[in-house]
Amino acid sequence: MKIYHNPRCSKSRQTLALIQENGVEPEVVLYLGNIPSTEELRDLLSKLEITPMQLIRKGEKDWKENYKGKELSDAQLIQAMIAHPKLIERPIVVKDNKAVLGRPPENVLELI
């Protein structure tokens, strides 16, 4: 199991704690410092079964200042997440060929 984690995010911390409380010690990816590649993001989107737009945090300053209101392709949205990793919704928890967003944290229970 792997968690794309931001320790400054309360939902991310709660999700990590819930995983650990269930006896699993996941691989922790600090994605703000270890930015996912284009292929990694495409793989995550496939496992999450969502579109790039659904993975974007639209309340972030980077989104509002650089992208809001623009017509962007999926490839452009993925590049925006690579350029500004804070735009990636978190946490993302992956197990095998399935992934869930830890919003709410209890979503992760379906992977345990």
N, C-alpha and C. Protein backbone atom coordinates (compact mmCIF):
# COMPACT_ATOMS: atom_id res chain seq x y z
N MET A 1 0.86 -1.18 0.00
CA MET A 1 0.00 0.00 0.00
C MET A 1 0.90 1.24 0.00
N LYS A 2 0.44 2.25 -0.71
CA LYS A 2 1.20 3.50 -0.84
C LYS A 2 0.25 4.66 -0.61
N ILE A 3 0.74 5.69 0.10
CA ILE A 3 -0.06 6.91 0.30
C ILE A 3 0.73 8.11 -0.21
N TYR A 4 0.08 8.88 -1.07
CA TYR A 4 0.64 10.16 -1.51
C TYR A 4 0.18 11.16 -0.46
N HIS A 5 1.14 11.63 0.32
CA HIS A 5 0.86 12.28 1.60
C HIS A 5 1.43 13.69 1.66
N ASN A 6 0.65 14.57 2.28
CA ASN A 6 1.12 15.91 2.63
C ASN A 6 0.94 16.03 4.15
N PRO A 7 2.03 16.00 4.92
CA PRO A 7 1.90 16.02 6.37
C PRO A 7 1.26 17.29 6.93
N ARG A 8 1.17 18.35 6.12
CA ARG A 8 0.53 19.58 6.59
C ARG A 8 -0.99 19.54 6.43
N CYS A 9 -1.50 18.52 5.77
CA CYS A 9 -2.93 18.38 5.51
C CYS A 9 -3.58 17.48 6.56
N SER A 10 -4.60 17.97 7.24
CA SER A 10 -5.23 17.19 8.30
C SER A 10 -5.88 15.92 7.76
N LYS A 11 -6.52 15.96 6.61
CA LYS A 11 -7.14 14.76 6.03
C LYS A 11 -6.08 13.73 5.69
N SER A 12 -4.95 14.19 5.20
CA SER A 12 -3.86 13.28 4.86
C SER A 12 -3.32 12.62 6.13
N ARG A 13 -3.14 13.39 7.19
CA ARG A 13 -2.67 12.83 8.47
C ARG A 13 -3.69 11.84 9.03
N GLN A 14 -4.98 12.19 8.95
CA GLN A 14 -6.02 11.30 9.47
C GLN A 14 -6.07 9.99 8.68
N THR A 15 -5.90 10.09 7.36
CA THR A 15 -5.93 8.89 6.52
C THR A 15 -4.74 7.99 6.84
N LEU A 16 -3.55 8.57 6.97
CA LEU A 16 -2.36 7.78 7.31
C LEU A 16 -2.56 7.09 8.66
N ALA A 17 -3.09 7.81 9.63
CA ALA A 17 -3.32 7.24 10.96
C ALA A 17 -4.32 6.08 10.89
N LEU A 18 -5.36 6.23 10.10
CA LEU A 18 -6.37 5.18 9.96
C LEU A 18 -5.76 3.92 9.33
N ILE A 19 -4.91 4.10 8.35
CA ILE A 19 -4.23 2.96 7.73
C ILE A 19 -3.38 2.24 8.78
N GLN A 20 -2.60 3.02 9.52
CA GLN A 20 -1.72 2.44 10.53
C GLN A 20 -2.51 1.77 11.65
N GLU A 21 -3.64 2.36 12.05
CA GLU A 21 -4.49 1.76 13.09
C GLU A 21 -5.03 0.40 12.66
N ASN A 22 -5.09 0.17 11.35
CA ASN A 22 -5.56 -1.10 10.83
C ASN A 22 -4.41 -2.06 10.52
N GLY A 23 -3.25 -1.77 11.10
CA GLY A 23 -2.13 -2.70 11.04
C GLY A 23 -1.32 -2.67 9.76
N VAL A 24 -1.48 -1.63 8.96
CA VAL A 24 -0.73 -1.53 7.71
C VAL A 24 0.25 -0.38 7.82
N GLU A 25 1.49 -0.64 7.41
CA GLU A 25 2.50 0.43 7.37
C GLU A 25 2.77 0.72 5.89
N PRO A 26 2.10 1.76 5.35
CA PRO A 26 2.22 2.03 3.92
C PRO A 26 3.54 2.70 3.55
N GLU A 27 3.86 2.61 2.27
CA GLU A 27 4.96 3.41 1.72
C GLU A 27 4.42 4.84 1.65
N VAL A 28 5.13 5.78 2.24
CA VAL A 28 4.69 7.17 2.26
C VAL A 28 5.46 7.95 1.19
N VAL A 29 4.70 8.55 0.26
CA VAL A 29 5.29 9.37 -0.78
C VAL A 29 4.96 10.83 -0.47
N LEU A 30 5.98 11.60 -0.15
CA LEU A 30 5.79 13.03 0.10
C LEU A 30 5.82 13.71 -1.27
N TYR A 31 4.63 13.76 -1.90
CA TYR A 31 4.54 14.13 -3.31
C TYR A 31 4.89 15.59 -3.61
N LEU A 32 4.88 16.46 -2.60
CA LEU A 32 5.25 17.86 -2.87
C LEU A 32 6.75 17.97 -3.15
N GLY A 33 7.54 17.07 -2.56
CA GLY A 33 8.97 17.06 -2.80
C GLY A 33 9.40 16.03 -3.82
N ASN A 34 8.57 15.00 -3.98
CA ASN A 34 8.82 13.92 -4.93
C ASN A 34 7.66 13.93 -5.92
N ILE A 35 7.67 14.89 -6.83
CA ILE A 35 6.54 15.15 -7.71
C ILE A 35 6.32 13.97 -8.66
N PRO A 36 5.08 13.49 -8.75
CA PRO A 36 4.80 12.39 -9.67
C PRO A 36 5.06 12.79 -11.13
N SER A 37 5.50 11.82 -11.91
CA SER A 37 5.72 12.04 -13.34
C SER A 37 4.38 12.04 -14.07
N THR A 38 4.43 12.39 -15.35
CA THR A 38 3.22 12.33 -16.18
C THR A 38 2.64 10.93 -16.17
N GLU A 39 3.50 9.92 -16.37
CA GLU A 39 3.03 8.54 -16.39
C GLU A 39 2.45 8.12 -15.04
N GLU A 40 3.09 8.53 -13.97
CA GLU A 40 2.60 8.19 -12.64
C GLU A 40 1.23 8.81 -12.39
N LEU A 41 1.05 10.07 -12.79
CA LEU A 41 -0.25 10.71 -12.63
C LEU A 41 -1.31 10.03 -13.49
N ARG A 42 -0.97 9.68 -14.72
CA ARG A 42 -1.92 8.96 -15.59
C ARG A 42 -2.32 7.62 -14.95
N ASP A 43 -1.35 6.93 -14.38
CA ASP A 43 -1.62 5.65 -13.71
C ASP A 43 -2.53 5.86 -12.50
N LEU A 44 -2.25 6.89 -11.70
CA LEU A 44 -3.09 7.18 -10.54
C LEU A 44 -4.52 7.51 -10.97
N LEU A 45 -4.66 8.32 -12.00
CA LEU A 45 -5.99 8.68 -12.49
C LEU A 45 -6.76 7.44 -12.95
N SER A 46 -6.06 6.55 -13.63
CA SER A 46 -6.69 5.31 -14.07
C SER A 46 -7.15 4.47 -12.89
N LYS A 47 -6.30 4.34 -11.89
CA LYS A 47 -6.65 3.56 -10.70
C LYS A 47 -7.76 4.21 -9.89
N LEU A 48 -7.79 5.54 -9.89
CA LEU A 48 -8.86 6.26 -9.18
C LEU A 48 -10.17 6.27 -9.98
N GLU A 49 -10.04 6.04 -11.30
CA GLU A 49 -11.17 6.08 -12.22
C GLU A 49 -11.82 7.47 -12.23
N ILE A 50 -10.95 8.50 -12.32
CA ILE A 50 -11.43 9.88 -12.41
C ILE A 50 -10.65 10.61 -13.50
N THR A 51 -11.12 11.80 -13.84
CA THR A 51 -10.45 12.64 -14.83
C THR A 51 -9.43 13.55 -14.14
N PRO A 52 -8.49 14.10 -14.90
CA PRO A 52 -7.55 15.04 -14.29
C PRO A 52 -8.25 16.20 -13.59
N MET A 53 -9.32 16.73 -14.17
CA MET A 53 -10.03 17.86 -13.55
C MET A 53 -10.57 17.47 -12.17
N GLN A 54 -10.95 16.22 -11.99
CA GLN A 54 -11.49 15.76 -10.71
C GLN A 54 -10.40 15.61 -9.65
N LEU A 55 -9.14 15.62 -10.06
CA LEU A 55 -8.02 15.49 -9.11
C LEU A 55 -7.44 16.85 -8.74
N ILE A 56 -7.94 17.92 -9.36
CA ILE A 56 -7.43 19.27 -9.13
C ILE A 56 -8.09 19.90 -7.91
N ARG A 57 -7.27 20.52 -7.07
CA ARG A 57 -7.75 21.30 -5.92
C ARG A 57 -8.01 22.73 -6.43
N LYS A 58 -9.28 23.01 -6.71
CA LYS A 58 -9.64 24.27 -7.35
C LYS A 58 -9.62 25.48 -6.42
N GLY A 59 -9.46 25.25 -5.13
CA GLY A 59 -9.38 26.35 -4.18
C GLY A 59 -7.97 26.90 -4.01
N GLU A 60 -6.99 26.21 -4.59
CA GLU A 60 -5.59 26.62 -4.44
C GLU A 60 -5.28 27.90 -5.21
N LYS A 61 -4.42 28.70 -4.63
CA LYS A 61 -4.00 29.97 -5.23
C LYS A 61 -3.43 29.76 -6.64
N ASP A 62 -2.59 28.74 -6.80
CA ASP A 62 -2.00 28.47 -8.12
C ASP A 62 -3.07 28.21 -9.18
N TRP A 63 -4.14 27.53 -8.81
CA TRP A 63 -5.23 27.27 -9.75
C TRP A 63 -5.92 28.58 -10.12
N LYS A 64 -6.29 29.33 -9.10
CA LYS A 64 -7.03 30.57 -9.34
C LYS A 64 -6.23 31.57 -10.17
N GLU A 65 -4.93 31.66 -9.90
CA GLU A 65 -4.10 32.66 -10.59
C GLU A 65 -3.67 32.24 -11.99
N ASN A 66 -3.56 30.93 -12.24
CA ASN A 66 -2.97 30.48 -13.50
C ASN A 66 -3.90 29.73 -14.44
N TYR A 67 -4.94 29.10 -13.91
CA TYR A 67 -5.70 28.18 -14.75
C TYR A 67 -7.22 28.37 -14.74
N LYS A 68 -7.76 28.94 -13.68
CA LYS A 68 -9.21 29.06 -13.54
C LYS A 68 -9.81 29.77 -14.75
N GLY A 69 -10.90 29.19 -15.27
CA GLY A 69 -11.61 29.80 -16.38
C GLY A 69 -11.03 29.48 -17.74
N LYS A 70 -9.91 28.76 -17.77
CA LYS A 70 -9.29 28.40 -19.05
C LYS A 70 -9.77 27.02 -19.48
N GLU A 71 -9.86 26.84 -20.77
CA GLU A 71 -10.22 25.55 -21.36
C GLU A 71 -8.94 24.75 -21.53
N LEU A 72 -8.73 23.72 -20.69
CA LEU A 72 -7.49 22.96 -20.70
C LEU A 72 -7.75 21.49 -21.02
N SER A 73 -6.85 20.90 -21.80
CA SER A 73 -6.93 19.47 -22.11
C SER A 73 -6.49 18.67 -20.89
N ASP A 74 -6.76 17.37 -20.93
CA ASP A 74 -6.30 16.50 -19.84
C ASP A 74 -4.78 16.57 -19.72
N ALA A 75 -4.08 16.58 -20.85
CA ALA A 75 -2.61 16.65 -20.82
C ALA A 75 -2.14 17.95 -20.18
N GLN A 76 -2.82 19.05 -20.46
CA GLN A 76 -2.46 20.35 -19.87
C GLN A 76 -2.74 20.34 -18.36
N LEU A 77 -3.82 19.70 -17.95
CA LEU A 77 -4.14 19.61 -16.52
C LEU A 77 -3.10 18.79 -15.78
N ILE A 78 -2.65 17.71 -16.39
CA ILE A 78 -1.60 16.89 -15.78
C ILE A 78 -0.32 17.70 -15.67
N GLN A 79 0.03 18.46 -16.70
CA GLN A 79 1.23 19.30 -16.64
C GLN A 79 1.09 20.38 -15.57
N ALA A 80 -0.12 20.90 -15.37
CA ALA A 80 -0.36 21.89 -14.32
C ALA A 80 -0.10 21.27 -12.94
N MET A 81 -0.51 20.01 -12.75
CA MET A 81 -0.29 19.34 -11.47
C MET A 81 1.20 19.07 -11.23
N ILE A 82 1.93 18.81 -12.29
CA ILE A 82 3.37 18.59 -12.16
C ILE A 82 4.07 19.92 -11.85
N ALA A 83 3.64 20.99 -12.51
CA ALA A 83 4.23 22.32 -12.27
C ALA A 83 3.87 22.85 -10.88
N HIS A 84 2.68 22.51 -10.42
CA HIS A 84 2.17 23.00 -9.12
C HIS A 84 1.58 21.81 -8.36
N PRO A 85 2.40 20.97 -7.72
CA PRO A 85 1.88 19.76 -7.09
C PRO A 85 0.87 20.01 -5.98
N LYS A 86 0.80 21.23 -5.46
CA LYS A 86 -0.23 21.53 -4.46
C LYS A 86 -1.63 21.39 -5.06
N LEU A 87 -1.72 21.41 -6.38
CA LEU A 87 -3.01 21.27 -7.05
C LEU A 87 -3.56 19.85 -6.97
N ILE A 88 -2.71 18.88 -6.64
CA ILE A 88 -3.14 17.48 -6.58
C ILE A 88 -3.94 17.24 -5.30
N GLU A 89 -5.17 16.76 -5.49
CA GLU A 89 -6.01 16.42 -4.34
C GLU A 89 -5.31 15.34 -3.53
N ARG A 90 -5.45 15.42 -2.23
CA ARG A 90 -4.77 14.49 -1.35
C ARG A 90 -5.67 14.07 -0.20
N PRO A 91 -5.29 12.99 0.43
CA PRO A 91 -4.27 12.02 0.06
C PRO A 91 -4.80 11.01 -0.95
N ILE A 92 -3.90 10.41 -1.69
CA ILE A 92 -4.25 9.33 -2.60
C ILE A 92 -3.62 8.06 -2.01
N VAL A 93 -4.44 7.03 -1.88
CA VAL A 93 -3.95 5.76 -1.34
C VAL A 93 -4.11 4.70 -2.42
N VAL A 94 -3.03 3.96 -2.66
CA VAL A 94 -3.00 2.97 -3.74
C VAL A 94 -2.69 1.59 -3.15
N LYS A 95 -3.43 0.61 -3.62
CA LYS A 95 -3.13 -0.79 -3.31
C LYS A 95 -3.40 -1.59 -4.57
N ASP A 96 -2.37 -2.21 -5.07
CA ASP A 96 -2.46 -3.01 -6.30
C ASP A 96 -2.97 -2.13 -7.45
N ASN A 97 -4.10 -2.53 -8.06
CA ASN A 97 -4.61 -1.78 -9.21
C ASN A 97 -5.79 -0.88 -8.85
N LYS A 98 -5.91 -0.53 -7.59
CA LYS A 98 -7.03 0.30 -7.12
C LYS A 98 -6.48 1.46 -6.30
N ALA A 99 -7.13 2.60 -6.38
CA ALA A 99 -6.74 3.76 -5.58
C ALA A 99 -8.00 4.48 -5.12
N VAL A 100 -7.87 5.18 -3.98
CA VAL A 100 -8.97 6.00 -3.47
C VAL A 100 -8.39 7.31 -2.95
N LEU A 101 -9.24 8.32 -2.94
CA LEU A 101 -8.90 9.58 -2.29
C LEU A 101 -9.32 9.47 -0.83
N GLY A 102 -8.48 9.93 0.06
CA GLY A 102 -8.79 9.88 1.49
C GLY A 102 -9.64 11.06 1.93
N ARG A 103 -10.68 11.33 1.20
CA ARG A 103 -11.63 12.39 1.53
C ARG A 103 -13.03 11.82 1.37
N PRO A 104 -13.62 11.35 2.44
CA PRO A 104 -13.14 11.31 3.82
C PRO A 104 -12.12 10.19 4.02
N PRO A 105 -11.36 10.26 5.12
CA PRO A 105 -10.34 9.25 5.38
C PRO A 105 -10.87 7.82 5.36
N GLU A 106 -12.12 7.62 5.72
CA GLU A 106 -12.71 6.28 5.78
C GLU A 106 -12.75 5.60 4.42
N ASN A 107 -12.62 6.36 3.32
CA ASN A 107 -12.58 5.77 1.99
C ASN A 107 -11.49 4.72 1.88
N VAL A 108 -10.42 4.90 2.66
CA VAL A 108 -9.28 3.99 2.58
C VAL A 108 -9.62 2.58 3.08
N LEU A 109 -10.65 2.47 3.87
CA LEU A 109 -11.01 1.16 4.44
C LEU A 109 -11.34 0.14 3.37
N GLU A 110 -11.82 0.60 2.22
CA GLU A 110 -12.15 -0.35 1.16
C GLU A 110 -10.89 -1.00 0.56
N LEU A 111 -9.72 -0.45 0.82
CA LEU A 111 -8.47 -1.03 0.34
C LEU A 111 -7.80 -1.94 1.36
N ILE A 112 -8.25 -1.88 2.61
CA ILE A 112 -7.59 -2.63 3.68
C ILE A 112 -8.20 -4.02 3.80
